[in-house]
Amino acid sequence: MSGAFASSGIRAAFSYCVQQVRNYDYHHYLCLLELPANMRKAAFALRAFNVETARAMDVASDPKIGLMRLLWWQEAIDNIFANKLIEHPTAQALASVISEHTISKSWLKRSVEARINDARREVTDIPETVEELEKYAEDTVSTLLYTTLQAGGIRSTAADHAASHIGKASGLLLLLKSLPYHASRNFMFSYIPSEVAAKHGLLVQQGGRSEICLDSREGLRDAVFEIASVANAHLQKAREFAGTVPAEACPVLLPAVPAQLTLDSLSRVQFDVFDPRLTRGILGIPPLWFQLKLKWHSWRGKY
């Protein structure tokens, strides 16, 4: 009975993970459906873990509570690798994956620590360079692709390099796409580096502090374009490895497709992140068109 109960509990935990990804990261949910059946459980558990940590600050009524959730996840990773039972469905699914596959603890820890450091930033603590944003994207998004490749037993330097660039591109574009949301919470443009803001007339001094000023909508579009161009360069670099990436890794790298579609949508609205067309459908395009694009790349073994 105890074994059957445990099995039932694990199934429920994985079902919970799938639902979390479907609810809060729908375009990547569709990407994961293109994975081989033997890789999906691990991929959904890892992506759900990302959903939990990415939303920790957003769902908290107090930033201190959000930070506590992230610190809890930091400790939870240690407990999972120490084979300690945790009463949380995502943690249980993650523990099941880790017990069956070789997953690097360091990648999971790095992801949470990056979000903890970000949560501790002050509103006026503006990154200085685009490289700082790239590192954050690497730590939070590329690591997710690395661990998914590990769970699939895929050992390929070319795939890892491609995953690094796709993660950086996806992370940068996510930050750009979420700028209007951050604006509603009064800390939006802390994700525009000071060097970029200064170049486009968005940086002003207030009380001895550097702050972002939005008097120039054109300047904001130019700043978004500059960061989006860096993301585009990463996607191009990722595709340079396509000839040496093993076929079994290509489904894991499908997040390059929504990243490209986000770039295309930004381009159509002249990089105005406040344009309402960006919120329509999936990443600004009709859902059917998104799914056809994804299916086409998956069928061709491309990313």
Protein backbone atom coordinates (compact mmCIF):
# COMPACT_ATOMS: atom_id res chain seq x y z
CA MET A 1 0.00 0.00 0.00
CA SER A 2 2.75 2.43 0.89
CA GLY A 3 4.45 1.87 -2.47
CA ALA A 4 1.19 2.39 -4.36
CA PHE A 5 0.48 5.52 -2.33
CA ALA A 6 3.95 6.89 -3.08
CA SER A 7 3.53 6.16 -6.78
CA SER A 8 0.16 7.90 -6.78
CA GLY A 9 1.70 10.89 -5.02
CA ILE A 10 4.49 11.19 -7.58
CA ARG A 11 1.99 11.05 -10.44
CA ALA A 12 0.00 13.83 -8.79
CA ALA A 13 3.20 15.85 -8.34
CA PHE A 14 4.07 15.57 -12.04
CA SER A 15 0.48 16.46 -13.02
CA TYR A 16 0.81 19.55 -10.84
CA CYS A 17 4.05 20.49 -12.64
CA VAL A 18 2.44 20.16 -16.06
CA GLN A 19 -0.46 22.35 -14.99
CA GLN A 20 1.86 25.00 -13.54
CA VAL A 21 3.82 25.22 -16.76
CA ARG A 22 0.63 25.29 -18.83
CA ASN A 23 -0.83 28.09 -16.69
CA TYR A 24 2.20 30.34 -16.34
CA ASP A 25 4.59 29.52 -19.20
CA TYR A 26 2.29 28.43 -21.98
CA HIS A 27 4.60 28.87 -24.97
CA HIS A 28 7.23 26.72 -23.29
CA TYR A 29 4.51 24.23 -22.34
CA LEU A 30 3.90 23.81 -26.06
CA CYS A 31 7.65 23.41 -26.62
CA LEU A 32 7.84 20.62 -24.04
CA LEU A 33 5.04 18.71 -25.73
CA GLU A 34 7.41 18.27 -28.69
CA LEU A 35 9.92 16.38 -26.55
CA PRO A 36 10.14 12.58 -26.73
CA ALA A 37 7.86 10.93 -24.16
CA ASN A 38 10.81 9.66 -22.12
CA MET A 39 12.06 13.24 -21.57
CA ARG A 40 8.83 15.07 -20.82
CA LYS A 41 8.46 14.25 -17.12
CA ALA A 42 11.91 15.55 -16.27
CA ALA A 43 11.49 18.60 -18.51
CA PHE A 44 8.14 19.54 -16.94
CA ALA A 45 9.53 19.14 -13.41
CA LEU A 46 12.50 21.37 -14.24
CA ARG A 47 10.35 23.96 -16.01
CA ALA A 48 7.87 23.96 -13.09
CA PHE A 49 10.78 24.58 -10.72
CA ASN A 50 11.64 27.57 -12.89
CA VAL A 51 8.02 28.78 -12.72
CA GLU A 52 8.06 28.54 -8.92
CA THR A 53 11.26 30.57 -8.53
CA ALA A 54 10.47 33.06 -11.31
CA ARG A 55 7.07 33.89 -9.76
CA ALA A 56 8.18 33.93 -6.13
CA MET A 57 8.48 37.71 -5.94
CA ASP A 58 5.42 38.40 -8.11
CA VAL A 59 2.91 36.40 -6.07
CA ALA A 60 4.13 37.68 -2.70
CA SER A 61 2.22 40.48 -1.00
CA ASP A 62 5.49 41.60 0.60
CA PRO A 63 8.94 41.44 -1.06
CA LYS A 64 10.31 39.89 2.14
CA ILE A 65 7.89 36.99 1.75
CA GLY A 66 8.96 36.51 -1.85
CA LEU A 67 12.60 36.46 -0.79
CA MET A 68 11.77 33.90 1.90
CA ARG A 69 10.24 31.66 -0.76
CA LEU A 70 13.40 31.84 -2.81
CA LEU A 71 15.53 31.07 0.23
CA TRP A 72 13.23 28.13 0.93
CA TRP A 73 13.91 26.80 -2.57
CA GLN A 74 17.63 27.24 -2.05
CA GLU A 75 17.39 25.04 1.03
CA ALA A 76 14.99 22.66 -0.70
CA ILE A 77 17.60 21.83 -3.34
CA ASP A 78 20.05 20.84 -0.62
CA ASN A 79 17.37 18.68 1.02
CA ILE A 80 16.44 17.02 -2.28
CA PHE A 81 20.03 16.01 -2.94
CA ALA A 82 20.26 14.79 0.65
CA ASN A 83 17.24 12.51 -0.04
CA LYS A 84 15.04 14.32 2.47
CA LEU A 85 11.28 14.33 1.97
CA ILE A 86 9.73 17.69 1.07
CA GLU A 87 5.98 18.29 1.15
CA HIS A 88 5.73 20.31 -2.05
CA PRO A 89 4.56 18.82 -5.38
CA THR A 90 7.18 20.53 -7.56
CA ALA A 91 9.93 19.60 -5.12
CA GLN A 92 8.67 16.01 -5.04
CA ALA A 93 8.64 15.78 -8.84
CA LEU A 94 12.11 17.34 -8.96
CA ALA A 95 13.36 14.85 -6.37
CA SER A 96 11.99 11.99 -8.47
CA VAL A 97 13.81 13.29 -11.55
CA ILE A 98 17.07 13.75 -9.64
CA SER A 99 16.83 10.20 -8.28
CA GLU A 100 16.57 8.82 -11.82
CA HIS A 101 18.88 11.14 -13.78
CA THR A 102 22.22 12.84 -13.37
CA ILE A 103 21.34 16.48 -12.72
CA SER A 104 23.94 19.02 -11.63
CA LYS A 105 23.06 20.49 -8.26
CA SER A 106 25.26 23.49 -9.09
CA TRP A 107 23.01 24.51 -12.02
CA LEU A 108 19.86 24.41 -9.88
CA LYS A 109 21.55 26.33 -7.08
CA ARG A 110 22.92 28.88 -9.51
CA SER A 111 19.44 29.55 -10.86
CA VAL A 112 17.93 30.21 -7.43
CA GLU A 113 20.90 32.26 -6.23
CA ALA A 114 20.60 34.53 -9.28
CA ARG A 115 16.95 35.18 -8.45
CA ILE A 116 17.79 35.77 -4.78
CA ASN A 117 20.43 38.33 -5.73
CA ASP A 118 17.95 39.99 -8.09
CA ALA A 119 15.28 40.07 -5.37
CA ARG A 120 17.70 41.80 -3.00
CA ARG A 121 18.43 44.58 -5.46
CA GLU A 122 17.12 48.01 -4.63
CA VAL A 123 14.69 49.64 -7.06
CA THR A 124 17.33 52.20 -8.03
CA ASP A 125 20.11 49.62 -8.32
CA ILE A 126 20.45 49.71 -12.10
CA PRO A 127 22.70 47.20 -13.91
CA GLU A 128 25.59 48.99 -15.57
CA THR A 129 26.03 46.83 -18.66
CA VAL A 130 24.15 44.50 -20.97
CA GLU A 131 26.66 41.84 -19.93
CA GLU A 132 25.11 41.87 -16.45
CA LEU A 133 21.71 41.08 -17.98
CA GLU A 134 23.29 38.35 -20.09
CA LYS A 135 24.77 36.74 -16.99
CA TYR A 136 21.37 36.82 -15.27
CA ALA A 137 19.79 35.21 -18.34
CA GLU A 138 22.53 32.58 -18.42
CA ASP A 139 22.07 31.78 -14.74
CA THR A 140 18.27 31.55 -14.85
CA VAL A 141 17.39 30.33 -18.35
CA SER A 142 20.45 28.65 -19.87
CA THR A 143 20.81 26.53 -16.73
CA LEU A 144 17.29 25.23 -17.31
CA LEU A 145 18.29 24.02 -20.77
CA TYR A 146 21.53 22.51 -19.46
CA THR A 147 19.69 20.45 -16.85
CA THR A 148 17.06 19.34 -19.38
CA LEU A 149 19.84 18.10 -21.66
CA GLN A 150 21.37 16.29 -18.68
CA ALA A 151 18.05 14.66 -17.82
CA GLY A 152 17.83 13.40 -21.39
CA GLY A 153 21.28 11.86 -21.10
CA ILE A 154 22.56 14.17 -23.84
CA ARG A 155 26.26 14.94 -23.56
CA SER A 156 27.27 17.36 -26.27
CA THR A 157 29.50 20.42 -26.11
CA ALA A 158 27.80 21.83 -29.21
CA ALA A 159 24.36 21.41 -27.61
CA ASP A 160 25.59 23.09 -24.43
CA HIS A 161 26.95 26.04 -26.40
CA ALA A 162 23.70 26.38 -28.32
CA ALA A 163 21.73 26.13 -25.05
CA SER A 164 23.87 28.89 -23.54
CA HIS A 165 23.09 31.29 -26.39
CA ILE A 166 19.39 30.36 -26.59
CA GLY A 167 19.06 30.85 -22.84
CA LYS A 168 20.71 34.26 -22.99
CA ALA A 169 18.49 35.34 -25.88
CA SER A 170 15.33 34.05 -24.19
CA GLY A 171 16.24 35.66 -20.87
CA LEU A 172 16.97 39.07 -22.41
CA LEU A 173 13.73 39.01 -24.38
CA LEU A 174 11.73 37.98 -21.33
CA LEU A 175 13.10 40.99 -19.45
CA LEU A 176 12.13 43.27 -22.34
CA LYS A 177 8.65 41.77 -22.68
CA SER A 178 8.03 42.16 -18.96
CA LEU A 179 8.98 45.85 -18.79
CA PRO A 180 5.35 47.08 -18.81
CA TYR A 181 4.56 44.73 -15.91
CA HIS A 182 7.57 46.01 -14.00
CA ALA A 183 6.37 49.55 -14.71
CA SER A 184 3.11 48.78 -12.92
CA ARG A 185 5.14 47.78 -9.87
CA ASN A 186 7.32 50.90 -10.03
CA PHE A 187 10.63 49.16 -10.65
CA MET A 188 10.41 48.44 -14.32
CA PHE A 189 13.43 50.06 -15.82
CA SER A 190 15.90 48.70 -13.35
CA TYR A 191 16.38 46.13 -16.14
CA ILE A 192 17.68 48.68 -18.65
CA PRO A 193 21.43 48.97 -18.05
CA SER A 194 22.72 52.44 -17.25
CA GLU A 195 25.11 52.42 -20.22
CA VAL A 196 22.21 51.76 -22.61
CA ALA A 197 19.91 54.25 -20.85
CA ALA A 198 22.55 56.98 -20.94
CA LYS A 199 23.21 56.40 -24.65
CA HIS A 200 19.54 56.94 -25.49
CA GLY A 201 18.79 59.85 -23.18
CA LEU A 202 16.91 57.88 -20.52
CA LEU A 203 19.30 58.30 -17.59
CA VAL A 204 18.93 61.24 -15.22
CA GLN A 205 20.38 62.11 -11.82
CA GLN A 206 17.90 62.47 -8.98
CA GLY A 207 19.16 63.24 -5.48
CA GLY A 208 22.59 61.83 -6.24
CA ARG A 209 21.12 58.65 -7.76
CA SER A 210 20.85 57.54 -11.36
CA GLU A 211 17.26 56.89 -12.45
CA ILE A 212 15.50 56.04 -15.67
CA CYS A 213 13.36 58.79 -17.17
CA LEU A 214 10.65 57.94 -19.70
CA ASP A 215 10.15 61.36 -21.25
CA SER A 216 11.47 59.99 -24.54
CA ARG A 217 9.42 57.10 -25.90
CA GLU A 218 11.73 57.08 -28.92
CA GLY A 219 14.71 56.71 -26.59
CA LEU A 220 13.03 53.76 -24.91
CA ARG A 221 12.40 52.07 -28.25
CA ASP A 222 16.03 52.59 -29.18
CA ALA A 223 17.16 51.10 -25.87
CA VAL A 224 14.89 48.08 -26.36
CA PHE A 225 16.18 47.67 -29.91
CA GLU A 226 19.78 47.64 -28.69
CA ILE A 227 19.12 44.91 -26.12
CA ALA A 228 16.96 42.96 -28.58
CA SER A 229 19.84 43.10 -31.06
CA VAL A 230 22.07 41.39 -28.51
CA ALA A 231 19.41 38.68 -28.10
CA ASN A 232 19.24 38.28 -31.87
CA ALA A 233 23.02 37.85 -32.04
CA HIS A 234 22.79 35.05 -29.48
CA LEU A 235 20.14 33.26 -31.54
CA GLN A 236 22.34 33.53 -34.62
CA LYS A 237 25.28 32.10 -32.69
CA ALA A 238 23.13 29.24 -31.42
CA ARG A 239 22.18 28.34 -34.99
CA GLU A 240 25.83 28.23 -36.01
CA PHE A 241 26.09 25.04 -33.94
CA ALA A 242 23.10 23.42 -35.69
CA GLY A 243 25.31 21.25 -37.89
CA THR A 244 27.09 19.67 -34.92
CA VAL A 245 24.24 19.49 -32.40
CA PRO A 246 23.01 15.87 -32.08
CA ALA A 247 19.47 15.27 -33.35
CA GLU A 248 18.22 14.22 -29.90
CA ALA A 249 19.16 17.64 -28.50
CA CYS A 250 17.17 19.68 -31.01
CA PRO A 251 13.77 19.27 -29.26
CA VAL A 252 15.34 20.60 -26.04
CA LEU A 253 16.51 23.67 -27.94
CA LEU A 254 13.06 24.50 -29.37
CA PRO A 255 12.73 27.54 -27.02
CA ALA A 256 14.75 29.28 -29.75
CA VAL A 257 11.50 29.35 -31.74
CA PRO A 258 9.44 31.47 -29.27
CA ALA A 259 12.52 33.65 -28.77
CA GLN A 260 12.66 34.36 -32.51
CA LEU A 261 8.91 34.98 -32.64
CA THR A 262 9.23 37.46 -29.76
CA LEU A 263 11.92 39.29 -31.72
CA ASP A 264 9.69 39.32 -34.79
CA SER A 265 6.76 40.71 -32.78
CA LEU A 266 8.94 43.43 -31.26
CA SER A 267 10.16 44.38 -34.72
CA ARG A 268 6.58 44.68 -36.03
CA VAL A 269 5.72 47.23 -33.33
CA GLN A 270 9.00 49.15 -33.79
CA PHE A 271 10.28 47.85 -30.42
CA ASP A 272 7.58 49.67 -28.45
CA VAL A 273 7.12 47.33 -25.46
CA PHE A 274 3.89 49.13 -24.53
CA ASP A 275 2.18 48.32 -27.84
CA PRO A 276 -0.93 46.23 -26.96
CA ARG A 277 -0.38 43.99 -29.97
CA LEU A 278 2.43 42.28 -28.05
CA THR A 279 -0.09 40.87 -25.56
CA ARG A 280 -2.34 39.29 -28.17
CA GLY A 281 -2.35 35.56 -28.85
CA ILE A 282 0.95 33.88 -27.99
CA LEU A 283 3.87 36.32 -27.97
CA GLY A 284 1.94 38.68 -30.20
CA ILE A 285 0.93 36.18 -32.90
CA PRO A 286 -2.18 33.99 -33.37
CA PRO A 287 -1.97 30.75 -31.33
CA LEU A 288 -2.45 28.55 -34.40
CA TRP A 289 0.41 30.28 -36.22
CA PHE A 290 2.66 29.82 -33.18
CA GLN A 291 1.87 26.11 -33.01
CA LEU A 292 2.41 25.64 -36.74
CA LYS A 293 5.82 27.35 -36.49
CA LEU A 294 6.75 25.13 -33.57
CA LYS A 295 5.55 21.96 -35.29
CA TRP A 296 7.41 22.87 -38.48
CA HIS A 297 10.72 23.32 -36.62
CA SER A 298 10.14 20.16 -34.58
CA TRP A 299 9.33 18.08 -37.66
CA ARG A 300 12.44 19.32 -39.45
CA GLY A 301 14.65 18.79 -36.40
CA LYS A 302 15.52 22.49 -36.32
CA TYR A 303 15.58 25.11 -33.57
